[in-house]
Amino acid sequence: MEEYSDECLAYFLSHQEQLFDEPVAETLEEAEAFLEDCMAVVVDSMEEVRAYFDESGMDVETMSNDELEEASEVFKLPNGQYLIVEG
């Protein structure tokens, strides 16, 4: 099970509209439960984001790092890590 930092949870709460039309969580606890339910992952680099999508079967070979970073499923956290949420 993934461990989500409070910073990660707070960032997701304030940016969830990037992926969803309506809020899916209103508290840190709800955000954590939601991220656990959809098996969201935190990775340390754009290379790991690329590897995650590649392993998931998504064709990312022709996508630039900027394009990947702009994907609605990818949340760039303030600490430099990336949260990947497949809604």
Protein backbone atom coordinates (compact mmCIF):
# COMPACT_ATOMS: atom_id res chain seq x y z
CA MET A 1 0.00 0.00 0.00
CA GLU A 2 1.30 3.44 -0.99
CA GLU A 3 2.09 5.95 1.74
CA TYR A 4 1.04 9.50 0.88
CA SER A 5 2.62 12.47 2.65
CA ASP A 6 0.41 15.23 4.03
CA GLU A 7 1.97 17.53 1.41
CA CYS A 8 0.94 15.12 -1.35
CA LEU A 9 -2.61 14.80 0.01
CA ALA A 10 -3.01 18.56 0.40
CA TYR A 11 -1.72 19.16 -3.11
CA PHE A 12 -4.14 16.61 -4.55
CA LEU A 13 -7.04 18.19 -2.64
CA SER A 14 -6.29 21.64 -4.02
CA HIS A 15 -5.66 20.43 -7.60
CA GLN A 16 -8.13 17.56 -8.02
CA GLU A 17 -10.11 19.54 -10.62
CA GLN A 18 -7.16 18.91 -12.95
CA LEU A 19 -8.51 15.38 -13.39
CA PHE A 20 -12.10 15.46 -12.14
CA ASP A 21 -15.04 17.75 -12.92
CA GLU A 22 -16.31 17.56 -9.33
CA PRO A 23 -14.41 17.18 -6.06
CA VAL A 24 -13.77 13.57 -5.06
CA ALA A 25 -12.48 14.47 -1.59
CA GLU A 26 -12.86 17.31 0.89
CA THR A 27 -10.46 16.29 3.68
CA LEU A 28 -6.98 14.79 3.86
CA GLU A 29 -8.52 11.53 5.07
CA GLU A 30 -10.93 11.39 2.15
CA ALA A 31 -8.10 12.21 -0.27
CA GLU A 32 -5.97 9.41 1.17
CA ALA A 33 -8.84 6.92 0.94
CA PHE A 34 -9.56 7.95 -2.65
CA LEU A 35 -5.92 7.69 -3.73
CA GLU A 36 -5.63 4.28 -2.08
CA ASP A 37 -8.83 3.09 -3.80
CA CYS A 38 -7.56 4.05 -7.25
CA MET A 39 -4.04 2.80 -6.46
CA ALA A 40 -2.38 6.15 -7.17
CA VAL A 41 1.42 6.10 -7.08
CA VAL A 42 4.10 8.60 -6.16
CA VAL A 43 7.30 8.49 -8.20
CA ASP A 44 10.52 10.47 -7.93
CA SER A 45 11.23 11.48 -11.53
CA MET A 46 9.79 12.02 -14.99
CA GLU A 47 11.65 8.89 -16.09
CA GLU A 48 9.61 6.93 -13.53
CA VAL A 49 6.40 8.56 -14.81
CA ARG A 50 7.33 7.44 -18.32
CA ALA A 51 8.15 3.91 -17.09
CA TYR A 52 4.83 3.71 -15.19
CA PHE A 53 2.77 4.61 -18.27
CA ASP A 54 4.87 2.36 -20.49
CA GLU A 55 4.29 -0.59 -18.12
CA SER A 56 0.57 0.26 -18.11
CA GLY A 57 0.48 -0.17 -21.88
CA MET A 58 0.25 3.51 -22.80
CA ASP A 59 2.29 4.52 -25.86
CA VAL A 60 4.49 7.28 -24.46
CA GLU A 61 7.51 6.80 -26.71
CA THR A 62 6.68 9.80 -28.90
CA MET A 63 5.60 12.04 -26.01
CA SER A 64 7.99 14.66 -24.64
CA ASN A 65 8.53 15.00 -20.91
CA ASP A 66 6.57 18.27 -21.02
CA GLU A 67 3.62 16.50 -22.66
CA LEU A 68 3.73 13.76 -20.02
CA GLU A 69 3.92 16.32 -17.23
CA GLU A 70 0.83 18.05 -18.65
CA ALA A 71 -1.23 14.83 -18.67
CA SER A 72 -4.28 15.24 -16.44
CA GLU A 73 -3.31 12.10 -14.50
CA VAL A 74 0.08 13.53 -13.51
CA PHE A 75 0.35 15.91 -10.58
CA LYS A 76 3.77 17.54 -10.13
CA LEU A 77 4.21 17.87 -6.38
CA PRO A 78 6.00 20.86 -4.82
CA ASN A 79 8.81 18.58 -3.59
CA GLY A 80 9.65 17.52 -7.16
CA GLN A 81 7.94 14.13 -7.03
CA TYR A 82 4.98 13.15 -9.21
CA LEU A 83 1.61 11.76 -8.15
CA ILE A 84 -0.02 9.59 -10.83
CA VAL A 85 -3.79 9.18 -10.44
CA GLU A 86 -5.72 7.09 -12.93
CA GLY A 87 -9.31 8.12 -12.31
